[in-house]
Amino acid sequence: MGGFLFGAIAACGVRYSGLEHKMSQAIEEQVSWQNDPEIVQASDMVHAGQFDEALPILKDYLAKKPDSVDACSLLREVHLRKTDVPLYLAYTARLCSLHLASRQPQAAWQDYEEFLQQGGDKLPAQTWLDLCRVSEGEGSFERALGEYEKLAAAYPAERQSLQAGLGAARICLKRLNRPQDAMKYYEQVARSPIPHLDLEADIQAGVGAARAALAAPAVPAPASS
């Protein structure tokens, strides 16, 4: 009963948020030029409401071509229409990874936003880390820092949490002028029970830079006239 109610609520939320319409429109644009008959056939089935008929075609296609954005997008829409939230979230996470791999960061961030809107709490660790690095590379430092922090908290036993901690420390030290916070992140990584001998040089260099920044005399603010 709980699962049924959750699915019904999710379906209503999707309908009134306009997500279903936007997704259908995006998929139509993606496959309009697609000549692959299996994708075209499955797309027609999805838009005709023949979800169960489209599923095996799409799953078989994705098994043969695991980097197909079109197949993954259609499978995600099928599970959205069927209000199968767990599978919708799984394919959204996979689509995010595919968009990152094909260097479409804005599409990947859109996937992540939709993942969160439908109740997702954490992406696969490596996909999440790649998304954080894209944000950092684009100069969205506060956003990247927040995502690094969430990733490290969500996967404390995974190696990606160490990379997230170093990313957070790097941003605080080099971009946000927060050496005290950088020191905290470096120390957290250093104390981690996850093997990280290969990261030791980076940790020690970061700790040294953070200490130097903390020891540097503060620059006085210019006097107001």
N, C-alpha and C. Protein backbone atom coordinates (compact mmCIF):
# COMPACT_ATOMS: atom_id res chain seq x y z
N MET A 1 0.83 -1.21 0.00
CA MET A 1 0.00 0.00 0.00
C MET A 1 0.87 1.26 0.00
N GLY A 2 1.95 1.22 0.85
CA GLY A 2 2.84 2.37 0.89
C GLY A 2 3.49 2.62 -0.45
N GLY A 3 3.92 1.54 -1.11
CA GLY A 3 4.54 1.67 -2.41
C GLY A 3 3.58 2.22 -3.45
N PHE A 4 2.33 1.75 -3.39
CA PHE A 4 1.31 2.24 -4.33
C PHE A 4 1.08 3.73 -4.15
N LEU A 5 0.94 4.17 -2.87
CA LEU A 5 0.70 5.58 -2.60
C LEU A 5 1.88 6.44 -3.05
N PHE A 6 3.11 5.94 -2.80
CA PHE A 6 4.30 6.69 -3.22
C PHE A 6 4.32 6.85 -4.73
N GLY A 7 4.00 5.76 -5.44
CA GLY A 7 3.98 5.81 -6.88
C GLY A 7 2.94 6.77 -7.40
N ALA A 8 1.76 6.77 -6.77
CA ALA A 8 0.69 7.67 -7.20
C ALA A 8 1.07 9.12 -6.98
N ILE A 9 1.67 9.39 -5.81
CA ILE A 9 2.10 10.76 -5.51
C ILE A 9 3.18 11.21 -6.48
N ALA A 10 4.13 10.31 -6.75
CA ALA A 10 5.21 10.63 -7.69
C ALA A 10 4.65 10.92 -9.07
N ALA A 11 3.66 10.12 -9.50
CA ALA A 11 3.07 10.32 -10.82
C ALA A 11 2.39 11.68 -10.91
N CYS A 12 1.67 12.05 -9.85
CA CYS A 12 1.01 13.36 -9.85
C CYS A 12 2.03 14.48 -9.88
N GLY A 13 3.11 14.31 -9.09
CA GLY A 13 4.15 15.33 -9.08
C GLY A 13 4.78 15.51 -10.43
N VAL A 14 5.05 14.41 -11.10
CA VAL A 14 5.64 14.46 -12.44
C VAL A 14 4.70 15.16 -13.40
N ARG A 15 3.42 14.80 -13.34
CA ARG A 15 2.45 15.38 -14.28
C ARG A 15 2.34 16.88 -14.09
N TYR A 16 2.18 17.33 -12.83
CA TYR A 16 1.95 18.75 -12.60
C TYR A 16 3.23 19.58 -12.69
N SER A 17 4.38 18.94 -12.54
CA SER A 17 5.63 19.69 -12.67
C SER A 17 6.00 19.93 -14.12
N GLY A 18 5.34 19.21 -15.04
CA GLY A 18 5.67 19.35 -16.45
C GLY A 18 6.86 18.52 -16.87
N LEU A 19 7.41 17.72 -15.95
CA LEU A 19 8.59 16.92 -16.27
C LEU A 19 8.30 15.92 -17.36
N GLU A 20 7.13 15.30 -17.33
CA GLU A 20 6.80 14.29 -18.33
C GLU A 20 6.76 14.91 -19.72
N HIS A 21 6.15 16.08 -19.84
CA HIS A 21 6.07 16.75 -21.15
C HIS A 21 7.45 17.14 -21.64
N LYS A 22 8.28 17.71 -20.73
CA LYS A 22 9.62 18.14 -21.13
C LYS A 22 10.46 16.95 -21.57
N MET A 23 10.32 15.83 -20.85
CA MET A 23 11.10 14.65 -21.20
C MET A 23 10.68 14.12 -22.56
N SER A 24 9.38 14.04 -22.81
CA SER A 24 8.89 13.55 -24.10
C SER A 24 9.38 14.44 -25.23
N GLN A 25 9.33 15.75 -25.01
CA GLN A 25 9.78 16.68 -26.05
C GLN A 25 11.27 16.51 -26.31
N ALA A 26 12.06 16.35 -25.25
CA ALA A 26 13.51 16.17 -25.42
C ALA A 26 13.82 14.90 -26.18
N ILE A 27 13.10 13.82 -25.86
CA ILE A 27 13.35 12.55 -26.54
C ILE A 27 12.96 12.64 -28.00
N GLU A 28 11.85 13.31 -28.30
CA GLU A 28 11.45 13.48 -29.69
C GLU A 28 12.52 14.20 -30.48
N GLU A 29 13.13 15.23 -29.86
CA GLU A 29 14.19 15.97 -30.53
C GLU A 29 15.41 15.08 -30.76
N GLN A 30 15.72 14.22 -29.76
CA GLN A 30 16.90 13.37 -29.86
C GLN A 30 16.76 12.32 -30.95
N VAL A 31 15.57 11.72 -31.06
CA VAL A 31 15.42 10.61 -31.98
C VAL A 31 14.88 11.02 -33.34
N SER A 32 14.59 12.32 -33.52
CA SER A 32 14.02 12.76 -34.79
C SER A 32 14.97 12.51 -35.94
N TRP A 33 16.28 12.54 -35.65
CA TRP A 33 17.27 12.33 -36.70
C TRP A 33 17.81 10.91 -36.67
N GLN A 34 17.38 10.12 -35.70
CA GLN A 34 17.95 8.80 -35.48
C GLN A 34 17.44 7.83 -36.53
N ASN A 35 18.36 7.18 -37.26
CA ASN A 35 17.98 6.25 -38.31
C ASN A 35 17.91 4.81 -37.85
N ASP A 36 18.35 4.53 -36.64
CA ASP A 36 18.35 3.16 -36.15
C ASP A 36 16.91 2.68 -36.02
N PRO A 37 16.51 1.65 -36.72
CA PRO A 37 15.11 1.22 -36.71
C PRO A 37 14.62 0.77 -35.33
N GLU A 38 15.51 0.18 -34.51
CA GLU A 38 15.07 -0.26 -33.19
C GLU A 38 14.70 0.91 -32.29
N ILE A 39 15.48 1.98 -32.37
CA ILE A 39 15.18 3.16 -31.57
C ILE A 39 13.90 3.82 -32.06
N VAL A 40 13.76 3.93 -33.37
CA VAL A 40 12.55 4.54 -33.93
C VAL A 40 11.32 3.72 -33.56
N GLN A 41 11.40 2.41 -33.68
CA GLN A 41 10.29 1.53 -33.33
C GLN A 41 9.92 1.68 -31.86
N ALA A 42 10.94 1.65 -31.00
CA ALA A 42 10.67 1.76 -29.56
C ALA A 42 10.10 3.13 -29.21
N SER A 43 10.60 4.17 -29.87
CA SER A 43 10.09 5.52 -29.61
C SER A 43 8.61 5.61 -29.99
N ASP A 44 8.25 5.05 -31.13
CA ASP A 44 6.84 5.06 -31.54
C ASP A 44 5.98 4.30 -30.52
N MET A 45 6.48 3.18 -30.04
CA MET A 45 5.73 2.39 -29.04
C MET A 45 5.54 3.18 -27.75
N VAL A 46 6.59 3.85 -27.31
CA VAL A 46 6.49 4.62 -26.07
C VAL A 46 5.45 5.72 -26.21
N HIS A 47 5.48 6.43 -27.32
CA HIS A 47 4.54 7.52 -27.50
C HIS A 47 3.11 7.04 -27.75
N ALA A 48 2.98 5.75 -28.12
CA ALA A 48 1.65 5.16 -28.27
C ALA A 48 1.18 4.50 -26.97
N GLY A 49 2.00 4.58 -25.93
CA GLY A 49 1.63 3.98 -24.65
C GLY A 49 1.89 2.49 -24.57
N GLN A 50 2.64 1.92 -25.51
CA GLN A 50 2.94 0.49 -25.51
C GLN A 50 4.26 0.24 -24.77
N PHE A 51 4.21 0.50 -23.48
CA PHE A 51 5.43 0.47 -22.68
C PHE A 51 6.02 -0.94 -22.54
N ASP A 52 5.15 -1.92 -22.27
CA ASP A 52 5.65 -3.28 -22.08
C ASP A 52 6.25 -3.84 -23.37
N GLU A 53 5.72 -3.42 -24.51
CA GLU A 53 6.27 -3.87 -25.79
C GLU A 53 7.62 -3.20 -26.09
N ALA A 54 7.76 -1.95 -25.65
CA ALA A 54 9.01 -1.22 -25.93
C ALA A 54 10.15 -1.67 -25.02
N LEU A 55 9.83 -2.12 -23.82
CA LEU A 55 10.87 -2.44 -22.84
C LEU A 55 11.90 -3.47 -23.34
N PRO A 56 11.48 -4.64 -23.82
CA PRO A 56 12.50 -5.61 -24.24
C PRO A 56 13.36 -5.14 -25.41
N ILE A 57 12.77 -4.35 -26.31
CA ILE A 57 13.54 -3.82 -27.43
C ILE A 57 14.64 -2.90 -26.92
N LEU A 58 14.26 -2.01 -26.00
CA LEU A 58 15.23 -1.04 -25.48
C LEU A 58 16.29 -1.69 -24.60
N LYS A 59 15.89 -2.66 -23.79
CA LYS A 59 16.87 -3.33 -22.93
C LYS A 59 17.88 -4.11 -23.76
N ASP A 60 17.40 -4.77 -24.79
CA ASP A 60 18.30 -5.52 -25.66
C ASP A 60 19.25 -4.57 -26.39
N TYR A 61 18.72 -3.44 -26.85
CA TYR A 61 19.54 -2.46 -27.56
C TYR A 61 20.61 -1.89 -26.64
N LEU A 62 20.22 -1.56 -25.40
CA LEU A 62 21.17 -0.98 -24.46
C LEU A 62 22.23 -2.00 -24.04
N ALA A 63 21.85 -3.28 -24.01
CA ALA A 63 22.83 -4.32 -23.71
C ALA A 63 23.89 -4.40 -24.80
N LYS A 64 23.48 -4.18 -26.05
CA LYS A 64 24.41 -4.22 -27.17
C LYS A 64 25.19 -2.92 -27.30
N LYS A 65 24.53 -1.80 -26.97
CA LYS A 65 25.17 -0.49 -27.08
C LYS A 65 24.99 0.27 -25.77
N PRO A 66 25.80 -0.06 -24.76
CA PRO A 66 25.59 0.50 -23.42
C PRO A 66 25.81 2.01 -23.32
N ASP A 67 26.39 2.63 -24.34
CA ASP A 67 26.59 4.08 -24.30
C ASP A 67 25.52 4.84 -25.08
N SER A 68 24.40 4.18 -25.39
CA SER A 68 23.34 4.82 -26.16
C SER A 68 22.51 5.76 -25.27
N VAL A 69 22.63 7.04 -25.51
CA VAL A 69 21.83 8.03 -24.78
C VAL A 69 20.36 7.89 -25.15
N ASP A 70 20.07 7.62 -26.42
CA ASP A 70 18.69 7.51 -26.87
C ASP A 70 17.96 6.36 -26.16
N ALA A 71 18.59 5.19 -26.12
CA ALA A 71 17.95 4.04 -25.48
C ALA A 71 17.75 4.29 -24.00
N CYS A 72 18.73 4.86 -23.36
CA CYS A 72 18.63 5.14 -21.92
C CYS A 72 17.54 6.17 -21.65
N SER A 73 17.45 7.19 -22.48
CA SER A 73 16.41 8.22 -22.32
C SER A 73 15.01 7.62 -22.46
N LEU A 74 14.84 6.75 -23.45
CA LEU A 74 13.53 6.12 -23.66
C LEU A 74 13.18 5.17 -22.51
N LEU A 75 14.16 4.42 -22.04
CA LEU A 75 13.89 3.53 -20.89
C LEU A 75 13.52 4.36 -19.66
N ARG A 76 14.16 5.46 -19.48
CA ARG A 76 13.81 6.32 -18.35
C ARG A 76 12.38 6.83 -18.48
N GLU A 77 11.99 7.21 -19.69
CA GLU A 77 10.62 7.69 -19.87
C GLU A 77 9.61 6.58 -19.64
N VAL A 78 9.92 5.38 -20.09
CA VAL A 78 9.01 4.26 -19.88
C VAL A 78 8.74 4.08 -18.39
N HIS A 79 9.79 4.09 -17.59
CA HIS A 79 9.61 3.86 -16.15
C HIS A 79 8.98 5.06 -15.47
N LEU A 80 9.17 6.24 -16.03
CA LEU A 80 8.45 7.40 -15.52
C LEU A 80 6.96 7.25 -15.77
N ARG A 81 6.59 6.86 -16.98
CA ARG A 81 5.18 6.70 -17.34
C ARG A 81 4.53 5.57 -16.53
N LYS A 82 5.32 4.54 -16.20
CA LYS A 82 4.80 3.42 -15.42
C LYS A 82 4.87 3.69 -13.91
N THR A 83 5.32 4.88 -13.55
CA THR A 83 5.52 5.31 -12.16
C THR A 83 6.35 4.31 -11.37
N ASP A 84 7.34 3.74 -12.03
CA ASP A 84 8.31 2.88 -11.36
C ASP A 84 9.49 3.76 -10.95
N VAL A 85 9.37 4.37 -9.78
CA VAL A 85 10.34 5.38 -9.36
C VAL A 85 11.75 4.82 -9.21
N PRO A 86 11.95 3.67 -8.57
CA PRO A 86 13.33 3.16 -8.43
C PRO A 86 14.04 2.98 -9.77
N LEU A 87 13.35 2.41 -10.76
CA LEU A 87 14.00 2.23 -12.06
C LEU A 87 14.14 3.54 -12.80
N TYR A 88 13.19 4.45 -12.63
CA TYR A 88 13.34 5.78 -13.21
C TYR A 88 14.61 6.44 -12.68
N LEU A 89 14.84 6.34 -11.37
CA LEU A 89 16.03 6.94 -10.77
C LEU A 89 17.30 6.25 -11.26
N ALA A 90 17.25 4.92 -11.40
CA ALA A 90 18.44 4.19 -11.85
C ALA A 90 18.83 4.61 -13.27
N TYR A 91 17.83 4.75 -14.15
CA TYR A 91 18.16 5.14 -15.52
C TYR A 91 18.52 6.63 -15.61
N THR A 92 17.99 7.44 -14.71
CA THR A 92 18.39 8.85 -14.68
C THR A 92 19.86 8.97 -14.29
N ALA A 93 20.27 8.19 -13.29
CA ALA A 93 21.68 8.19 -12.88
C ALA A 93 22.57 7.71 -14.02
N ARG A 94 22.12 6.68 -14.72
CA ARG A 94 22.91 6.17 -15.84
C ARG A 94 22.99 7.20 -16.96
N LEU A 95 21.88 7.88 -17.22
CA LEU A 95 21.87 8.91 -18.26
C LEU A 95 22.81 10.05 -17.89
N CYS A 96 22.85 10.40 -16.62
CA CYS A 96 23.77 11.44 -16.16
C CYS A 96 25.21 11.04 -16.47
N SER A 97 25.54 9.79 -16.20
CA SER A 97 26.89 9.28 -16.49
C SER A 97 27.19 9.33 -17.99
N LEU A 98 26.21 8.97 -18.81
CA LEU A 98 26.41 9.00 -20.26
C LEU A 98 26.61 10.42 -20.77
N HIS A 99 25.85 11.36 -20.22
CA HIS A 99 26.01 12.75 -20.63
C HIS A 99 27.38 13.29 -20.22
N LEU A 100 27.86 12.89 -19.06
CA LEU A 100 29.20 13.31 -18.65
C LEU A 100 30.25 12.73 -19.59
N ALA A 101 30.09 11.46 -19.93
CA ALA A 101 31.05 10.80 -20.81
C ALA A 101 31.08 11.43 -22.20
N SER A 102 29.93 11.94 -22.65
CA SER A 102 29.86 12.58 -23.97
C SER A 102 30.06 14.09 -23.90
N ARG A 103 30.54 14.56 -22.74
CA ARG A 103 30.87 15.97 -22.53
C ARG A 103 29.67 16.89 -22.76
N GLN A 104 28.59 16.55 -22.11
CA GLN A 104 27.39 17.38 -22.11
C GLN A 104 27.05 17.73 -20.66
N PRO A 105 27.85 18.61 -20.04
CA PRO A 105 27.67 18.86 -18.60
C PRO A 105 26.32 19.46 -18.22
N GLN A 106 25.78 20.32 -19.08
CA GLN A 106 24.48 20.91 -18.73
C GLN A 106 23.39 19.85 -18.71
N ALA A 107 23.43 18.93 -19.67
CA ALA A 107 22.46 17.84 -19.68
C ALA A 107 22.64 16.96 -18.45
N ALA A 108 23.90 16.73 -18.05
CA ALA A 108 24.16 15.92 -16.86
C ALA A 108 23.62 16.58 -15.61
N TRP A 109 23.79 17.89 -15.48
CA TRP A 109 23.24 18.59 -14.32
C TRP A 109 21.72 18.56 -14.32
N GLN A 110 21.11 18.65 -15.51
CA GLN A 110 19.65 18.54 -15.60
C GLN A 110 19.18 17.16 -15.14
N ASP A 111 19.92 16.12 -15.54
CA ASP A 111 19.60 14.78 -15.07
C ASP A 111 19.64 14.71 -13.55
N TYR A 112 20.67 15.31 -12.98
CA TYR A 112 20.84 15.28 -11.53
C TYR A 112 19.70 16.02 -10.84
N GLU A 113 19.31 17.17 -11.38
CA GLU A 113 18.20 17.93 -10.80
C GLU A 113 16.91 17.09 -10.81
N GLU A 114 16.66 16.40 -11.92
CA GLU A 114 15.46 15.58 -12.03
C GLU A 114 15.55 14.36 -11.11
N PHE A 115 16.75 13.83 -10.94
CA PHE A 115 16.99 12.74 -10.01
C PHE A 115 16.60 13.16 -8.59
N LEU A 116 17.01 14.35 -8.18
CA LEU A 116 16.68 14.84 -6.85
C LEU A 116 15.19 15.14 -6.72
N GLN A 117 14.60 15.72 -7.76
CA GLN A 117 13.18 16.07 -7.72
C GLN A 117 12.29 14.85 -7.49
N GLN A 118 12.71 13.70 -7.99
CA GLN A 118 11.89 12.50 -7.87
C GLN A 118 12.31 11.63 -6.68
N GLY A 119 13.06 12.21 -5.75
CA GLY A 119 13.34 11.51 -4.50
C GLY A 119 14.68 10.82 -4.43
N GLY A 120 15.53 10.95 -5.46
CA GLY A 120 16.85 10.35 -5.38
C GLY A 120 17.70 11.07 -4.35
N ASP A 121 18.54 10.32 -3.65
CA ASP A 121 19.36 10.96 -2.62
C ASP A 121 20.85 10.92 -2.94
N LYS A 122 21.30 9.88 -3.65
CA LYS A 122 22.73 9.85 -3.98
C LYS A 122 22.95 9.13 -5.30
N LEU A 123 23.74 9.76 -6.16
CA LEU A 123 24.15 9.14 -7.40
C LEU A 123 25.19 8.07 -7.12
N PRO A 124 25.47 7.18 -8.08
CA PRO A 124 26.64 6.31 -7.95
C PRO A 124 27.88 7.16 -7.69
N ALA A 125 28.78 6.64 -6.86
CA ALA A 125 29.89 7.45 -6.36
C ALA A 125 30.74 8.06 -7.47
N GLN A 126 31.10 7.27 -8.49
CA GLN A 126 31.98 7.80 -9.53
C GLN A 126 31.26 8.83 -10.40
N THR A 127 29.99 8.60 -10.70
CA THR A 127 29.22 9.58 -11.47
C THR A 127 29.14 10.89 -10.72
N TRP A 128 28.89 10.80 -9.43
CA TRP A 128 28.78 11.99 -8.59
C TRP A 128 30.10 12.75 -8.55
N LEU A 129 31.20 12.00 -8.39
CA LEU A 129 32.51 12.63 -8.36
C LEU A 129 32.81 13.34 -9.68
N ASP A 130 32.50 12.70 -10.80
CA ASP A 130 32.71 13.32 -12.11
C ASP A 130 31.88 14.60 -12.25
N LEU A 131 30.67 14.58 -11.73
CA LEU A 131 29.80 15.75 -11.80
C LEU A 131 30.38 16.89 -10.96
N CYS A 132 30.90 16.56 -9.78
CA CYS A 132 31.54 17.57 -8.93
C CYS A 132 32.73 18.21 -9.64
N ARG A 133 33.53 17.38 -10.28
CA ARG A 133 34.72 17.90 -10.97
C ARG A 133 34.35 18.80 -12.14
N VAL A 134 33.27 18.47 -12.82
CA VAL A 134 32.80 19.33 -13.91
C VAL A 134 32.41 20.69 -13.35
N SER A 135 31.68 20.69 -12.25
CA SER A 135 31.26 21.96 -11.64
C SER A 135 32.46 22.78 -11.19
N GLU A 136 33.44 22.11 -10.58
CA GLU A 136 34.65 22.81 -10.17
C GLU A 136 35.38 23.38 -11.38
N GLY A 137 35.48 22.60 -12.44
CA GLY A 137 36.17 23.06 -13.64
C GLY A 137 35.49 24.24 -14.30
N GLU A 138 34.19 24.35 -14.12
CA GLU A 138 33.44 25.47 -14.71
C GLU A 138 33.48 26.71 -13.82
N GLY A 139 34.09 26.59 -12.64
CA GLY A 139 34.18 27.74 -11.75
C GLY A 139 33.01 27.90 -10.80
N SER A 140 32.13 26.91 -10.73
CA SER A 140 31.00 26.96 -9.77
C SER A 140 31.48 26.36 -8.45
N PHE A 141 32.32 27.12 -7.74
CA PHE A 141 33.04 26.55 -6.61
C PHE A 141 32.15 26.24 -5.41
N GLU A 142 31.22 27.10 -5.10
CA GLU A 142 30.33 26.83 -3.96
C GLU A 142 29.47 25.59 -4.23
N ARG A 143 28.98 25.50 -5.44
CA ARG A 143 28.17 24.33 -5.80
C ARG A 143 29.00 23.06 -5.75
N ALA A 144 30.19 23.11 -6.31
CA ALA A 144 31.07 21.94 -6.29
C ALA A 144 31.42 21.55 -4.86
N LEU A 145 31.70 22.53 -4.02
CA LEU A 145 32.03 22.24 -2.63
C LEU A 145 30.88 21.53 -1.92
N GLY A 146 29.67 22.03 -2.12
CA GLY A 146 28.52 21.39 -1.50
C GLY A 146 28.32 19.96 -1.95
N GLU A 147 28.54 19.71 -3.25
CA GLU A 147 28.38 18.35 -3.76
C GLU A 147 29.51 17.43 -3.30
N TYR A 148 30.73 17.96 -3.22
CA TYR A 148 31.84 17.16 -2.68
C TYR A 148 31.52 16.74 -1.24
N GLU A 149 30.99 17.66 -0.45
CA GLU A 149 30.67 17.36 0.94
C GLU A 149 29.60 16.28 1.04
N LYS A 150 28.56 16.39 0.21
CA LYS A 150 27.49 15.39 0.24
C LYS A 150 27.98 14.03 -0.22
N LEU A 151 28.83 14.03 -1.23
CA LEU A 151 29.39 12.77 -1.73
C LEU A 151 30.21 12.08 -0.65
N ALA A 152 31.08 12.83 0.01
CA ALA A 152 31.93 12.24 1.05
C ALA A 152 31.09 11.68 2.20
N ALA A 153 30.00 12.37 2.54
CA ALA A 153 29.14 11.89 3.61
C ALA A 153 28.34 10.66 3.20
N ALA A 154 27.97 10.59 1.93
CA ALA A 154 27.13 9.49 1.45
C ALA A 154 27.92 8.20 1.25
N TYR A 155 29.21 8.32 0.94
CA TYR A 155 30.03 7.13 0.65
C TYR A 155 31.30 7.13 1.51
N PRO A 156 31.15 7.08 2.83
CA PRO A 156 32.34 7.18 3.70
C PRO A 156 33.33 6.03 3.55
N ALA A 157 32.88 4.88 3.05
CA ALA A 157 33.77 3.72 2.93
C ALA A 157 34.32 3.53 1.52
N GLU A 158 34.01 4.44 0.61
CA GLU A 158 34.45 4.32 -0.77
C GLU A 158 35.60 5.29 -1.06
N ARG A 159 36.46 4.89 -1.97
CA ARG A 159 37.61 5.72 -2.30
C ARG A 159 37.20 7.08 -2.85
N GLN A 160 36.05 7.14 -3.51
CA GLN A 160 35.60 8.43 -4.05
C GLN A 160 35.42 9.47 -2.95
N SER A 161 35.16 9.02 -1.71
CA SER A 161 35.02 9.98 -0.61
C SER A 161 36.34 10.69 -0.34
N LEU A 162 37.47 9.99 -0.53
CA LEU A 162 38.77 10.63 -0.37
C LEU A 162 38.99 11.69 -1.44
N GLN A 163 38.65 11.34 -2.69
CA GLN A 163 38.79 12.30 -3.78
C GLN A 163 37.88 13.51 -3.56
N ALA A 164 36.70 13.25 -3.00
CA ALA A 164 35.77 14.35 -2.72
C ALA A 164 36.34 15.25 -1.62
N GLY A 165 36.93 14.64 -0.60
CA GLY A 165 37.53 15.43 0.47
C GLY A 165 38.68 16.30 -0.03
N LEU A 166 39.51 15.72 -0.91
CA LEU A 166 40.60 16.51 -1.49
C LEU A 166 40.06 17.63 -2.38
N GLY A 167 38.98 17.34 -3.10
CA GLY A 167 38.37 18.37 -3.93
C GLY A 167 37.84 19.52 -3.09
N ALA A 168 37.17 19.19 -1.98
CA ALA A 168 36.65 20.22 -1.09
C ALA A 168 37.78 21.05 -0.49
N ALA A 169 38.86 20.36 -0.08
CA ALA A 169 40.01 21.07 0.49
C ALA A 169 40.64 22.00 -0.54
N ARG A 170 40.78 21.51 -1.75
CA ARG A 170 41.39 22.30 -2.82
C ARG A 170 40.60 23.58 -3.09
N ILE A 171 39.28 23.46 -3.14
CA ILE A 171 38.44 24.63 -3.38
C ILE A 171 38.56 25.63 -2.24
N CYS A 172 38.51 25.14 -1.01
CA CYS A 172 38.60 26.05 0.14
C CYS A 172 39.95 26.77 0.18
N LEU A 173 41.01 26.06 -0.16
CA LEU A 173 42.35 26.63 -0.07
C LEU A 173 42.64 27.59 -1.23
N LYS A 174 42.33 27.16 -2.45
CA LYS A 174 42.78 27.90 -3.62
C LYS A 174 41.73 28.85 -4.21
N ARG A 175 40.47 28.61 -3.90
CA ARG A 175 39.42 29.40 -4.55
C ARG A 175 38.59 30.26 -3.61
N LEU A 176 38.38 29.78 -2.40
CA LEU A 176 37.47 30.49 -1.49
C LEU A 176 38.20 31.15 -0.32
N ASN A 177 39.52 31.02 -0.28
CA ASN A 177 40.31 31.63 0.79
C ASN A 177 39.81 31.21 2.17
N ARG A 178 39.64 29.91 2.35
CA ARG A 178 39.20 29.37 3.64
C ARG A 178 40.18 28.29 4.09
N PRO A 179 41.40 28.68 4.45
CA PRO A 179 42.43 27.69 4.79
C PRO A 179 42.07 26.83 5.99
N GLN A 180 41.34 27.38 6.94
CA GLN A 180 40.96 26.58 8.11
C GLN A 180 40.07 25.41 7.70
N ASP A 181 39.12 25.68 6.81
CA ASP A 181 38.27 24.60 6.32
C ASP A 181 39.08 23.62 5.47
N ALA A 182 40.02 24.14 4.68
CA ALA A 182 40.87 23.26 3.88
C ALA A 182 41.65 22.31 4.78
N MET A 183 42.20 22.84 5.87
CA MET A 183 42.92 22.01 6.81
C MET A 183 42.03 20.90 7.36
N LYS A 184 40.80 21.23 7.67
CA LYS A 184 39.86 20.24 8.20
C LYS A 184 39.66 19.10 7.21
N TYR A 185 39.46 19.43 5.96
CA TYR A 185 39.23 18.39 4.95
C TYR A 185 40.48 17.54 4.74
N TYR A 186 41.65 18.19 4.69
CA TYR A 186 42.89 17.42 4.53
C TYR A 186 43.08 16.45 5.69
N GLU A 187 42.79 16.90 6.88
CA GLU A 187 42.97 16.05 8.05
C GLU A 187 41.97 14.89 8.05
N GLN A 188 40.77 15.15 7.58
CA GLN A 188 39.78 14.07 7.49
C GLN A 188 40.25 12.99 6.52
N VAL A 189 40.78 13.40 5.38
CA VAL A 189 41.29 12.43 4.41
C VAL A 189 42.47 11.66 5.01
N ALA A 190 43.35 12.37 5.70
CA ALA A 190 44.53 11.74 6.28
C ALA A 190 44.14 10.68 7.32
N ARG A 191 43.05 10.90 8.04
CA ARG A 191 42.62 9.96 9.09
C ARG A 191 41.79 8.80 8.54
N SER A 192 41.42 8.86 7.28
CA SER A 192 40.53 7.84 6.73
C SER A 192 41.17 6.45 6.79
N PRO A 193 40.38 5.42 7.15
CA PRO A 193 40.91 4.05 7.14
C PRO A 193 41.03 3.47 5.73
N ILE A 194 40.48 4.17 4.74
CA ILE A 194 40.60 3.71 3.36
C ILE A 194 42.06 3.87 2.92
N PRO A 195 42.67 2.84 2.34
CA PRO A 195 44.06 2.98 1.89
C PRO A 195 44.25 4.16 0.95
N HIS A 196 45.23 5.00 1.26
CA HIS A 196 45.42 6.19 0.44
C HIS A 196 46.89 6.61 0.38
N LEU A 197 47.79 5.63 0.37
CA LEU A 197 49.21 5.94 0.33
C LEU A 197 49.56 6.77 -0.89
N ASP A 198 48.90 6.50 -2.01
CA ASP A 198 49.19 7.24 -3.24
C ASP A 198 48.75 8.70 -3.17
N LEU A 199 47.92 9.04 -2.19
CA LEU A 199 47.45 10.41 -2.05
C LEU A 199 48.23 11.18 -0.99
N GLU A 200 49.16 10.51 -0.32
CA GLU A 200 49.84 11.11 0.82
C GLU A 200 50.59 12.38 0.44
N ALA A 201 51.25 12.37 -0.71
CA ALA A 201 51.99 13.57 -1.13
C ALA A 201 51.06 14.76 -1.31
N ASP A 202 49.90 14.53 -1.92
CA ASP A 202 48.92 15.61 -2.11
C ASP A 202 48.40 16.11 -0.77
N ILE A 203 48.16 15.18 0.15
CA ILE A 203 47.64 15.57 1.46
C ILE A 203 48.66 16.44 2.20
N GLN A 204 49.92 15.99 2.23
CA GLN A 204 50.95 16.74 2.96
C GLN A 204 51.21 18.10 2.32
N ALA A 205 51.20 18.15 1.00
CA ALA A 205 51.39 19.44 0.32
C ALA A 205 50.23 20.38 0.64
N GLY A 206 49.02 19.84 0.67
CA GLY A 206 47.87 20.67 0.99
C GLY A 206 47.90 21.16 2.42
N VAL A 207 48.26 20.28 3.35
CA VAL A 207 48.36 20.67 4.76
C VAL A 207 49.39 21.78 4.92
N GLY A 208 50.54 21.63 4.25
CA GLY A 208 51.58 22.66 4.34
C GLY A 208 51.10 23.99 3.80
N ALA A 209 50.39 23.96 2.67
CA ALA A 209 49.89 25.21 2.08
C ALA A 209 48.84 25.85 2.97
N ALA A 210 47.98 25.03 3.58
CA ALA A 210 46.95 25.57 4.47
C ALA A 210 47.58 26.20 5.71
N ARG A 211 48.60 25.55 6.27
CA ARG A 211 49.29 26.12 7.44
C ARG A 211 49.97 27.43 7.09
N ALA A 212 50.58 27.49 5.93
CA ALA A 212 51.24 28.72 5.51
C ALA A 212 50.23 29.85 5.35
N ALA A 213 49.06 29.51 4.79
CA ALA A 213 48.02 30.54 4.62
C ALA A 213 47.49 31.01 5.96
N LEU A 214 47.37 30.10 6.92
CA LEU A 214 46.88 30.48 8.25
C LEU A 214 47.91 31.33 8.99
N ALA A 215 49.20 31.07 8.74
CA ALA A 215 50.25 31.81 9.43
C ALA A 215 50.54 33.17 8.81
N ALA A 216 50.08 33.35 7.58
CA ALA A 216 50.37 34.63 6.89
C ALA A 216 49.63 35.76 7.57
N PRO A 217 50.27 36.92 7.71
CA PRO A 217 49.59 38.06 8.33
C PRO A 217 48.40 38.50 7.50
N ALA A 218 47.36 38.89 8.18
CA ALA A 218 46.17 39.34 7.48
C ALA A 218 46.44 40.65 6.77
N VAL A 219 45.91 40.80 5.61
CA VAL A 219 46.06 42.04 4.84
C VAL A 219 44.99 43.02 5.31
N PRO A 220 45.40 44.17 5.83
CA PRO A 220 44.38 45.11 6.33
C PRO A 220 43.50 45.64 5.22
N ALA A 221 42.26 45.86 5.55
CA ALA A 221 41.34 46.42 4.57
C ALA A 221 41.68 47.87 4.30
N PRO A 222 41.50 48.32 3.08
CA PRO A 222 41.81 49.73 2.77
C PRO A 222 40.92 50.67 3.55
N ALA A 223 41.53 51.75 4.01
CA ALA A 223 40.77 52.73 4.80
C ALA A 223 39.75 53.43 3.91
N SER A 224 38.59 53.64 4.47
CA SER A 224 37.53 54.33 3.70
C SER A 224 37.82 55.82 3.74
N SER A 225 37.54 56.49 2.66
CA SER A 225 37.79 57.93 2.57
C SER A 225 36.63 58.70 3.15
